[in-house]
Amino acid sequence: ASIEITLRDAITLTISENDSICPGFGSGASVVATGGDGAYEYSWTANGVDMGETGSSISTSPSNSTTYCVTVNDGCESTPVTLCTQTIINPVPAPSFTSDITAGCNPSTVNFETLLLPGEIAEWTINGATFSGATVSYEFTEVGFYDVRLHITNQYGCESEITAVDYIEIVDVPYPDFFINPNPTTIFNTEVRLSPSLTGPGYTYEWTMEGGTPSTSTDESPRVIYPEGIPNDYLVTLTVTNSLGCAGSIEHYVNILSDVIIYAPNIFTPDGDQFNEGW
């Protein structure tokens, strides 16, 4: 008698190559088996933990780098074979930036800077305009608050961005005025008070009073005395600076006028000489 014996090849596996993804993206693995009797059974593990997957491929979305292994056997006496692959989670950029100022007078140029790792690309969005590079300069020409967005992409294609809301404040320069009381005044009443139109804790004042005493002052509302008996026009200059260093100036004149003087006698001599007998 003769017996026919079929000897099957051992099981061999080909598994997909390591995958490299950014967090939140999908991944997976697949295996192709040959040899044995073809009735394959698959068993997958993720970092050594049974996944409950029994197909020749899996779909995953890991949050950390993970090693996927598959064990394949068949209905024959083939020795089960195990093969592994990896899904590598690439780093995500951590965008941050600085600027030389966060508030300024209108107009102001602000310089922005971010530190980039090798292979990273930065894209800025400032006031609706886009720029690229590690450093950016932008001139703001309108009063208001402005957001700044920084988007970074690394060499793996992973992206991240931040938006700093109302990061830049641009304020207007002061437009001061002031009042002189009294003005005009006379050569016999030469003390005047100066009062600014802009007041508040955010302002500082620099007065220059030509010919006056004092000739300069940083008071909000100084009093000034000018020479008596001399009609003249005296220049007063006010510079107002706000809390951001924005300054504005204005000039007015103090008018010192000559007064009309009438001298009337205030005595009489009733001595019978026909002069000044009554008043």
C-alpha atoms as a PDB file:
ATOM      1  CA  ALA A   1       0.000   0.000   0.000  1.00  0.00           C
ATOM      2  CA  SER A   2       1.150   3.582  -0.622  1.00  0.00           C
ATOM      3  CA  ILE A   3       0.240   6.790   1.276  1.00  0.00           C
ATOM      4  CA  GLU A   4       0.436  10.333  -0.181  1.00  0.00           C
ATOM      5  CA  ILE A   5       1.670  12.886   2.301  1.00  0.00           C
ATOM      6  CA  THR A   6       1.314  16.648   1.641  1.00  0.00           C
ATOM      7  CA  LEU A   7       3.877  18.767   3.432  1.00  0.00           C
ATOM      8  CA  ARG A   8       2.820  22.413   3.619  1.00  0.00           C
ATOM      9  CA  ASP A   9       5.214  25.296   3.858  1.00  0.00           C
ATOM     10  CA  ALA A  10       5.633  27.009   7.226  1.00  0.00           C
ATOM     11  CA  ILE A  11       3.619  30.167   7.822  1.00  0.00           C
ATOM     12  CA  THR A  12       5.452  33.327   6.846  1.00  0.00           C
ATOM     13  CA  LEU A  13       4.186  36.872   7.460  1.00  0.00           C
ATOM     14  CA  THR A  14       4.680  40.267   5.863  1.00  0.00           C
ATOM     15  CA  ILE A  15       3.439  43.162   8.003  1.00  0.00           C
ATOM     16  CA  SER A  16       3.032  46.822   7.092  1.00  0.00           C
ATOM     17  CA  GLU A  17       5.899  49.168   7.842  1.00  0.00           C
ATOM     18  CA  ASN A  18       6.048  51.419  10.870  1.00  0.00           C
ATOM     19  CA  ASP A  19       3.649  54.342  10.648  1.00  0.00           C
ATOM     20  CA  SER A  20       4.399  57.892  11.770  1.00  0.00           C
ATOM     21  CA  ILE A  21       1.474  60.183  12.561  1.00  0.00           C
ATOM     22  CA  CYS A  22       0.522  63.323  14.440  1.00  0.00           C
ATOM     23  CA  PRO A  23      -1.753  63.018  17.484  1.00  0.00           C
ATOM     24  CA  GLY A  24      -5.403  62.648  16.549  1.00  0.00           C
ATOM     25  CA  PHE A  25      -4.725  61.183  13.122  1.00  0.00           C
ATOM     26  CA  GLY A  26      -5.664  57.679  12.076  1.00  0.00           C
ATOM     27  CA  SER A  27      -3.238  54.806  11.667  1.00  0.00           C
ATOM     28  CA  GLY A  28      -3.373  51.036  11.408  1.00  0.00           C
ATOM     29  CA  ALA A  29      -1.561  47.875  10.342  1.00  0.00           C
ATOM     30  CA  SER A  30      -2.077  44.941   8.011  1.00  0.00           C
ATOM     31  CA  VAL A  31      -0.465  41.529   7.565  1.00  0.00           C
ATOM     32  CA  VAL A  32      -0.173  39.132   4.647  1.00  0.00           C
ATOM     33  CA  ALA A  33       0.257  35.446   5.513  1.00  0.00           C
ATOM     34  CA  THR A  34       1.529  32.669   3.272  1.00  0.00           C
ATOM     35  CA  GLY A  35       2.140  28.991   3.905  1.00  0.00           C
ATOM     36  CA  GLY A  36       0.136  26.677   6.155  1.00  0.00           C
ATOM     37  CA  ASP A  37      -3.246  25.489   5.012  1.00  0.00           C
ATOM     38  CA  GLY A  38      -4.618  29.002   4.336  1.00  0.00           C
ATOM     39  CA  ALA A  39      -7.263  28.901   7.063  1.00  0.00           C
ATOM     40  CA  TYR A  40      -5.603  31.661   9.005  1.00  0.00           C
ATOM     41  CA  GLU A  41      -6.585  32.951  12.397  1.00  0.00           C
ATOM     42  CA  TYR A  42      -5.338  36.372  13.509  1.00  0.00           C
ATOM     43  CA  SER A  43      -4.859  37.754  17.003  1.00  0.00           C
ATOM     44  CA  TRP A  44      -3.684  41.378  17.555  1.00  0.00           C
ATOM     45  CA  THR A  45      -2.187  43.042  20.617  1.00  0.00           C
ATOM     46  CA  ALA A  46      -1.376  46.695  21.338  1.00  0.00           C
ATOM     47  CA  ASN A  47       1.615  47.104  23.630  1.00  0.00           C
ATOM     48  CA  GLY A  48       1.013  43.532  24.756  1.00  0.00           C
ATOM     49  CA  VAL A  49      -2.705  43.955  25.475  1.00  0.00           C
ATOM     50  CA  ASP A  50      -5.198  41.875  23.475  1.00  0.00           C
ATOM     51  CA  MET A  51      -7.192  44.102  21.128  1.00  0.00           C
ATOM     52  CA  GLY A  52      -9.900  41.565  20.272  1.00  0.00           C
ATOM     53  CA  GLU A  53      -9.191  42.040  16.563  1.00  0.00           C
ATOM     54  CA  THR A  54      -9.308  38.895  14.385  1.00  0.00           C
ATOM     55  CA  GLY A  55      -8.865  40.254  10.865  1.00  0.00           C
ATOM     56  CA  SER A  56      -5.791  40.676   8.732  1.00  0.00           C
ATOM     57  CA  SER A  57      -5.810  44.463   9.243  1.00  0.00           C
ATOM     58  CA  ILE A  58      -6.649  46.943  11.989  1.00  0.00           C
ATOM     59  CA  SER A  59      -7.492  50.675  12.087  1.00  0.00           C
ATOM     60  CA  THR A  60      -6.300  52.699  15.051  1.00  0.00           C
ATOM     61  CA  SER A  61      -5.921  56.255  16.340  1.00  0.00           C
ATOM     62  CA  PRO A  62      -3.468  56.018  19.223  1.00  0.00           C
ATOM     63  CA  SER A  63      -2.576  58.906  21.493  1.00  0.00           C
ATOM     64  CA  ASN A  64       0.860  57.468  22.270  1.00  0.00           C
ATOM     65  CA  SER A  65       3.435  55.524  20.302  1.00  0.00           C
ATOM     66  CA  THR A  66       2.191  51.929  20.160  1.00  0.00           C
ATOM     67  CA  THR A  67       3.594  48.566  19.116  1.00  0.00           C
ATOM     68  CA  TYR A  68       1.062  46.331  17.340  1.00  0.00           C
ATOM     69  CA  CYS A  69       1.760  42.589  17.114  1.00  0.00           C
ATOM     70  CA  VAL A  70      -0.208  39.935  15.251  1.00  0.00           C
ATOM     71  CA  THR A  71      -0.053  36.181  15.802  1.00  0.00           C
ATOM     72  CA  VAL A  72      -1.196  33.963  12.932  1.00  0.00           C
ATOM     73  CA  ASN A  73      -1.945  30.245  13.021  1.00  0.00           C
ATOM     74  CA  ASP A  74      -3.993  27.870  10.891  1.00  0.00           C
ATOM     75  CA  GLY A  75      -5.878  24.602  11.070  1.00  0.00           C
ATOM     76  CA  CYS A  76      -2.781  22.568  10.371  1.00  0.00           C
ATOM     77  CA  GLU A  77       0.043  21.739  12.695  1.00  0.00           C
ATOM     78  CA  SER A  78       1.849  24.906  11.582  1.00  0.00           C
ATOM     79  CA  THR A  79       3.779  26.738  14.228  1.00  0.00           C
ATOM     80  CA  PRO A  80       2.043  30.083  15.013  1.00  0.00           C
ATOM     81  CA  VAL A  81       4.060  33.090  13.872  1.00  0.00           C
ATOM     82  CA  THR A  82       4.109  36.541  15.487  1.00  0.00           C
ATOM     83  CA  LEU A  83       5.237  39.766  13.821  1.00  0.00           C
ATOM     84  CA  CYS A  84       5.108  43.374  15.056  1.00  0.00           C
ATOM     85  CA  THR A  85       4.979  46.927  13.701  1.00  0.00           C
ATOM     86  CA  GLN A  86       4.787  50.356  15.304  1.00  0.00           C
ATOM     87  CA  THR A  87       2.751  53.533  15.091  1.00  0.00           C
ATOM     88  CA  ILE A  88       4.983  56.388  16.192  1.00  0.00           C
ATOM     89  CA  ILE A  89       3.378  59.564  17.518  1.00  0.00           C
ATOM     90  CA  ASN A  90       5.338  62.576  16.374  1.00  0.00           C
ATOM     91  CA  PRO A  91       5.750  65.657  18.582  1.00  0.00           C
ATOM     92  CA  VAL A  92       3.360  68.568  18.197  1.00  0.00           C
ATOM     93  CA  PRO A  93       4.732  72.122  18.024  1.00  0.00           C
ATOM     94  CA  ALA A  94       4.213  74.258  21.117  1.00  0.00           C
ATOM     95  CA  PRO A  95       3.847  77.770  19.694  1.00  0.00           C
ATOM     96  CA  SER A  96       4.660  80.806  21.801  1.00  0.00           C
ATOM     97  CA  PHE A  97       5.881  84.294  20.984  1.00  0.00           C
ATOM     98  CA  THR A  98       7.025  87.574  22.463  1.00  0.00           C
ATOM     99  CA  SER A  99       6.946  91.183  21.312  1.00  0.00           C
ATOM    100  CA  ASP A 100       8.928  94.274  22.196  1.00  0.00           C
ATOM    101  CA  ILE A 101       5.736  96.117  23.245  1.00  0.00           C
ATOM    102  CA  THR A 102       2.108  95.193  23.803  1.00  0.00           C
ATOM    103  CA  ALA A 103       0.759  98.737  23.834  1.00  0.00           C
ATOM    104  CA  GLY A 104       1.786 101.827  21.928  1.00  0.00           C
ATOM    105  CA  CYS A 105       0.834 105.152  20.437  1.00  0.00           C
ATOM    106  CA  ASN A 106      -0.717 105.499  17.020  1.00  0.00           C
ATOM    107  CA  PRO A 107       1.144 104.686  14.810  1.00  0.00           C
ATOM    108  CA  SER A 108       3.437 102.058  16.334  1.00  0.00           C
ATOM    109  CA  THR A 109       5.625  99.324  14.874  1.00  0.00           C
ATOM    110  CA  VAL A 110       5.680  96.109  16.913  1.00  0.00           C
ATOM    111  CA  ASN A 111       8.333  93.419  16.538  1.00  0.00           C
ATOM    112  CA  PHE A 112       7.237  89.816  17.160  1.00  0.00           C
ATOM    113  CA  GLU A 113       9.504  86.828  17.683  1.00  0.00           C
ATOM    114  CA  THR A 114       9.109  83.073  18.157  1.00  0.00           C
ATOM    115  CA  LEU A 115      11.677  80.341  18.736  1.00  0.00           C
ATOM    116  CA  LEU A 116      11.520  77.617  16.074  1.00  0.00           C
ATOM    117  CA  LEU A 117      12.946  74.123  16.327  1.00  0.00           C
ATOM    118  CA  PRO A 118      14.770  72.682  13.284  1.00  0.00           C
ATOM    119  CA  GLY A 119      12.265  71.981  10.526  1.00  0.00           C
ATOM    120  CA  GLU A 120       9.467  74.133  11.970  1.00  0.00           C
ATOM    121  CA  ILE A 121       7.677  76.762   9.872  1.00  0.00           C
ATOM    122  CA  ALA A 122       5.852  79.720  11.435  1.00  0.00           C
ATOM    123  CA  GLU A 123       2.903  81.561   9.934  1.00  0.00           C
ATOM    124  CA  TRP A 124       1.539  84.738  11.550  1.00  0.00           C
ATOM    125  CA  THR A 125      -1.832  86.404  11.163  1.00  0.00           C
ATOM    126  CA  ILE A 126      -1.887  90.023  12.329  1.00  0.00           C
ATOM    127  CA  ASN A 127      -4.756  92.397  11.571  1.00  0.00           C
ATOM    128  CA  GLY A 128      -5.841  90.196   8.654  1.00  0.00           C
ATOM    129  CA  ALA A 129      -2.387  90.020   7.078  1.00  0.00           C
ATOM    130  CA  THR A 130      -0.243  86.866   7.000  1.00  0.00           C
ATOM    131  CA  PHE A 131       3.516  86.612   7.403  1.00  0.00           C
ATOM    132  CA  SER A 132       6.067  83.826   7.731  1.00  0.00           C
ATOM    133  CA  GLY A 133       9.335  83.512   9.586  1.00  0.00           C
ATOM    134  CA  ALA A 134      10.621  83.495  13.127  1.00  0.00           C
ATOM    135  CA  THR A 135      10.516  87.311  13.385  1.00  0.00           C
ATOM    136  CA  VAL A 136       7.881  89.692  12.076  1.00  0.00           C
ATOM    137  CA  SER A 137       7.468  93.484  12.239  1.00  0.00           C
ATOM    138  CA  TYR A 138       4.080  95.114  11.767  1.00  0.00           C
ATOM    139  CA  GLU A 139       3.057  98.781  11.842  1.00  0.00           C
ATOM    140  CA  PHE A 140      -0.313  99.483  13.418  1.00  0.00           C
ATOM    141  CA  THR A 141      -1.873 102.672  12.083  1.00  0.00           C
ATOM    142  CA  GLU A 142      -5.299 102.648  13.729  1.00  0.00           C
ATOM    143  CA  VAL A 143      -6.410 102.916  17.329  1.00  0.00           C
ATOM    144  CA  GLY A 144      -7.804  99.688  18.805  1.00  0.00           C
ATOM    145  CA  PHE A 145      -7.063  96.213  20.130  1.00  0.00           C
ATOM    146  CA  TYR A 146      -5.548  93.545  17.890  1.00  0.00           C
ATOM    147  CA  ASP A 147      -5.373  89.723  18.024  1.00  0.00           C
ATOM    148  CA  VAL A 148      -2.184  87.904  17.050  1.00  0.00           C
ATOM    149  CA  ARG A 149      -2.265  84.315  15.731  1.00  0.00           C
ATOM    150  CA  LEU A 150       0.784  82.072  15.375  1.00  0.00           C
ATOM    151  CA  HIS A 151       0.564  78.777  13.474  1.00  0.00           C
ATOM    152  CA  ILE A 152       3.545  76.377  13.479  1.00  0.00           C
ATOM    153  CA  THR A 153       4.046  73.274  11.314  1.00  0.00           C
ATOM    154  CA  ASN A 154       6.949  70.910  12.012  1.00  0.00           C
ATOM    155  CA  GLN A 155       8.868  68.563   9.718  1.00  0.00           C
ATOM    156  CA  TYR A 156       6.413  65.719  10.454  1.00  0.00           C
ATOM    157  CA  GLY A 157       3.442  67.767   9.288  1.00  0.00           C
ATOM    158  CA  CYS A 158       2.111  68.197  12.820  1.00  0.00           C
ATOM    159  CA  GLU A 159       0.474  71.584  13.372  1.00  0.00           C
ATOM    160  CA  SER A 160      -0.517  73.743  16.307  1.00  0.00           C
ATOM    161  CA  GLU A 161      -1.501  77.369  16.776  1.00  0.00           C
ATOM    162  CA  ILE A 162      -2.281  79.940  19.430  1.00  0.00           C
ATOM    163  CA  THR A 163      -4.282  83.157  19.260  1.00  0.00           C
ATOM    164  CA  ALA A 164      -3.571  85.955  21.708  1.00  0.00           C
ATOM    165  CA  VAL A 165      -6.833  87.928  21.914  1.00  0.00           C
ATOM    166  CA  ASP A 166      -6.497  91.726  22.239  1.00  0.00           C
ATOM    167  CA  TYR A 167      -2.746  91.229  22.573  1.00  0.00           C
ATOM    168  CA  ILE A 168      -1.815  94.624  21.109  1.00  0.00           C
ATOM    169  CA  GLU A 169      -3.391  97.918  22.229  1.00  0.00           C
ATOM    170  CA  ILE A 170      -2.881 101.034  20.112  1.00  0.00           C
ATOM    171  CA  VAL A 171      -3.993 104.324  21.643  1.00  0.00           C
ATOM    172  CA  ASP A 172      -4.240 107.787  20.184  1.00  0.00           C
ATOM    173  CA  VAL A 173      -1.807 110.544  21.093  1.00  0.00           C
ATOM    174  CA  PRO A 174      -3.308 113.205  23.396  1.00  0.00           C
ATOM    175  CA  TYR A 175      -4.831 116.289  21.787  1.00  0.00           C
ATOM    176  CA  PRO A 176      -4.618 118.715  24.701  1.00  0.00           C
ATOM    177  CA  ASP A 177      -6.052 122.171  25.226  1.00  0.00           C
ATOM    178  CA  PHE A 178      -6.086 124.468  28.218  1.00  0.00           C
ATOM    179  CA  PHE A 179      -7.884 127.477  29.630  1.00  0.00           C
ATOM    180  CA  ILE A 180      -6.435 130.701  31.063  1.00  0.00           C
ATOM    181  CA  ASN A 181      -8.411 132.471  33.740  1.00  0.00           C
ATOM    182  CA  PRO A 182      -8.647 135.393  33.507  1.00  0.00           C
ATOM    183  CA  ASN A 183      -7.538 136.108  29.965  1.00  0.00           C
ATOM    184  CA  PRO A 184      -7.136 138.865  29.002  1.00  0.00           C
ATOM    185  CA  THR A 185      -6.237 140.482  32.279  1.00  0.00           C
ATOM    186  CA  THR A 186      -4.811 143.845  33.309  1.00  0.00           C
ATOM    187  CA  ILE A 187      -1.435 145.125  34.388  1.00  0.00           C
ATOM    188  CA  PHE A 188      -2.772 145.379  37.950  1.00  0.00           C
ATOM    189  CA  ASN A 189      -4.094 141.795  38.093  1.00  0.00           C
ATOM    190  CA  THR A 190      -1.363 139.631  36.561  1.00  0.00           C
ATOM    191  CA  GLU A 191      -2.038 136.330  38.353  1.00  0.00           C
ATOM    192  CA  VAL A 192      -3.720 133.727  36.145  1.00  0.00           C
ATOM    193  CA  ARG A 193      -4.631 130.072  36.563  1.00  0.00           C
ATOM    194  CA  LEU A 194      -3.969 127.498  33.853  1.00  0.00           C
ATOM    195  CA  SER A 195      -6.363 124.527  33.552  1.00  0.00           C
ATOM    196  CA  PRO A 196      -5.921 121.609  31.087  1.00  0.00           C
ATOM    197  CA  SER A 197      -8.809 120.089  29.190  1.00  0.00           C
ATOM    198  CA  LEU A 198      -7.412 116.541  29.649  1.00  0.00           C
ATOM    199  CA  THR A 199      -7.400 115.414  33.262  1.00  0.00           C
ATOM    200  CA  GLY A 200      -7.074 112.109  35.044  1.00  0.00           C
ATOM    201  CA  PRO A 201      -4.546 109.795  36.694  1.00  0.00           C
ATOM    202  CA  GLY A 202      -3.134 108.638  33.355  1.00  0.00           C
ATOM    203  CA  TYR A 203      -1.758 112.043  32.336  1.00  0.00           C
ATOM    204  CA  THR A 204       1.335 114.034  33.211  1.00  0.00           C
ATOM    205  CA  TYR A 205       1.789 117.745  32.447  1.00  0.00           C
ATOM    206  CA  GLU A 206       4.691 119.955  31.432  1.00  0.00           C
ATOM    207  CA  TRP A 207       4.006 123.703  31.401  1.00  0.00           C
ATOM    208  CA  THR A 208       6.326 126.380  30.035  1.00  0.00           C
ATOM    209  CA  MET A 209       5.289 129.966  30.898  1.00  0.00           C
ATOM    210  CA  GLU A 210       7.552 132.519  29.241  1.00  0.00           C
ATOM    211  CA  GLY A 211       8.015 135.559  31.470  1.00  0.00           C
ATOM    212  CA  GLY A 212       5.928 134.077  34.255  1.00  0.00           C
ATOM    213  CA  THR A 213       6.670 133.005  37.806  1.00  0.00           C
ATOM    214  CA  PRO A 214       7.133 130.084  37.894  1.00  0.00           C
ATOM    215  CA  SER A 215       8.413 129.698  34.354  1.00  0.00           C
ATOM    216  CA  THR A 216       7.827 125.901  34.313  1.00  0.00           C
ATOM    217  CA  SER A 217       5.538 123.534  36.187  1.00  0.00           C
ATOM    218  CA  THR A 218       4.402 119.921  36.270  1.00  0.00           C
ATOM    219  CA  ASP A 219       1.248 120.675  38.265  1.00  0.00           C
ATOM    220  CA  GLU A 220      -2.049 119.850  36.683  1.00  0.00           C
ATOM    221  CA  SER A 221      -3.398 123.368  37.153  1.00  0.00           C
ATOM    222  CA  PRO A 222      -0.671 125.875  38.120  1.00  0.00           C
ATOM    223  CA  ARG A 223      -1.025 129.519  39.081  1.00  0.00           C
ATOM    224  CA  VAL A 224       1.310 131.985  37.345  1.00  0.00           C
ATOM    225  CA  ILE A 225       2.189 135.598  38.133  1.00  0.00           C
ATOM    226  CA  TYR A 226       3.381 137.952  35.393  1.00  0.00           C
ATOM    227  CA  PRO A 227       5.155 141.317  35.798  1.00  0.00           C
ATOM    228  CA  GLU A 228       2.827 144.092  36.983  1.00  0.00           C
ATOM    229  CA  GLY A 229       2.413 147.328  35.119  1.00  0.00           C
ATOM    230  CA  ILE A 230       3.734 145.943  31.830  1.00  0.00           C
ATOM    231  CA  PRO A 231       1.259 145.188  29.070  1.00  0.00           C
ATOM    232  CA  ASN A 232       2.451 142.237  26.997  1.00  0.00           C
ATOM    233  CA  ASP A 233       1.525 138.894  25.454  1.00  0.00           C
ATOM    234  CA  TYR A 234       3.176 135.848  27.068  1.00  0.00           C
ATOM    235  CA  LEU A 235       3.413 132.438  25.393  1.00  0.00           C
ATOM    236  CA  VAL A 236       2.269 129.386  27.379  1.00  0.00           C
ATOM    237  CA  THR A 237       3.059 125.870  26.139  1.00  0.00           C
ATOM    238  CA  LEU A 238       1.454 122.702  27.519  1.00  0.00           C
ATOM    239  CA  THR A 239       2.660 119.173  26.770  1.00  0.00           C
ATOM    240  CA  VAL A 240       0.428 116.330  27.976  1.00  0.00           C
ATOM    241  CA  THR A 241       1.768 112.758  28.133  1.00  0.00           C
ATOM    242  CA  ASN A 242      -0.418 109.701  28.725  1.00  0.00           C
ATOM    243  CA  SER A 243       0.475 106.486  30.549  1.00  0.00           C
ATOM    244  CA  LEU A 244       1.988 104.955  27.373  1.00  0.00           C
ATOM    245  CA  GLY A 245       4.308 107.877  26.756  1.00  0.00           C
ATOM    246  CA  CYS A 246       2.220 109.390  23.955  1.00  0.00           C
ATOM    247  CA  ALA A 247       2.586 113.187  24.035  1.00  0.00           C
ATOM    248  CA  GLY A 248       0.797 116.143  22.473  1.00  0.00           C
ATOM    249  CA  SER A 249       1.417 119.897  22.805  1.00  0.00           C
ATOM    250  CA  ILE A 250      -0.503 123.154  22.378  1.00  0.00           C
ATOM    251  CA  GLU A 251       0.265 126.870  22.805  1.00  0.00           C
ATOM    252  CA  HIS A 252      -1.797 129.893  23.885  1.00  0.00           C
ATOM    253  CA  TYR A 253      -0.976 133.460  24.860  1.00  0.00           C
ATOM    254  CA  VAL A 254      -1.703 135.275  28.087  1.00  0.00           C
ATOM    255  CA  ASN A 255      -2.784 138.811  27.229  1.00  0.00           C
ATOM    256  CA  ILE A 256      -1.821 141.484  29.785  1.00  0.00           C
ATOM    257  CA  LEU A 257      -3.630 144.731  28.906  1.00  0.00           C
ATOM    258  CA  SER A 258      -3.036 148.318  30.051  1.00  0.00           C
ATOM    259  CA  ASP A 259      -5.778 149.612  32.368  1.00  0.00           C
ATOM    260  CA  VAL A 260      -7.510 153.012  32.051  1.00  0.00           C
ATOM    261  CA  ILE A 261      -6.784 154.986  35.239  1.00  0.00           C
ATOM    262  CA  ILE A 262      -8.785 158.036  36.397  1.00  0.00           C
ATOM    263  CA  TYR A 263      -7.241 160.024  39.272  1.00  0.00           C
ATOM    264  CA  ALA A 264      -9.817 161.832  41.395  1.00  0.00           C
ATOM    265  CA  PRO A 265      -8.994 163.924  44.456  1.00  0.00           C
ATOM    266  CA  ASN A 266     -10.154 162.428  47.683  1.00  0.00           C
ATOM    267  CA  ILE A 267      -9.502 165.457  49.915  1.00  0.00           C
ATOM    268  CA  PHE A 268     -10.703 169.088  49.974  1.00  0.00           C
ATOM    269  CA  THR A 269      -9.502 172.237  51.746  1.00  0.00           C
ATOM    270  CA  PRO A 270     -12.374 174.410  52.960  1.00  0.00           C
ATOM    271  CA  ASP A 271     -10.031 177.302  53.828  1.00  0.00           C
ATOM    272  CA  GLY A 272     -11.805 180.142  52.031  1.00  0.00           C
ATOM    273  CA  ASP A 273      -9.290 180.518  49.192  1.00  0.00           C
ATOM    274  CA  GLN A 274     -11.900 179.711  46.571  1.00  0.00           C
ATOM    275  CA  PHE A 275     -10.050 176.467  45.666  1.00  0.00           C
ATOM    276  CA  ASN A 276     -11.332 173.037  46.681  1.00  0.00           C
ATOM    277  CA  GLU A 277     -14.028 174.429  48.877  1.00  0.00           C
ATOM    278  CA  GLY A 278     -16.243 171.332  48.200  1.00  0.00           C
ATOM    279  CA  TRP A 279     -15.760 167.804  46.902  1.00  0.00           C
END
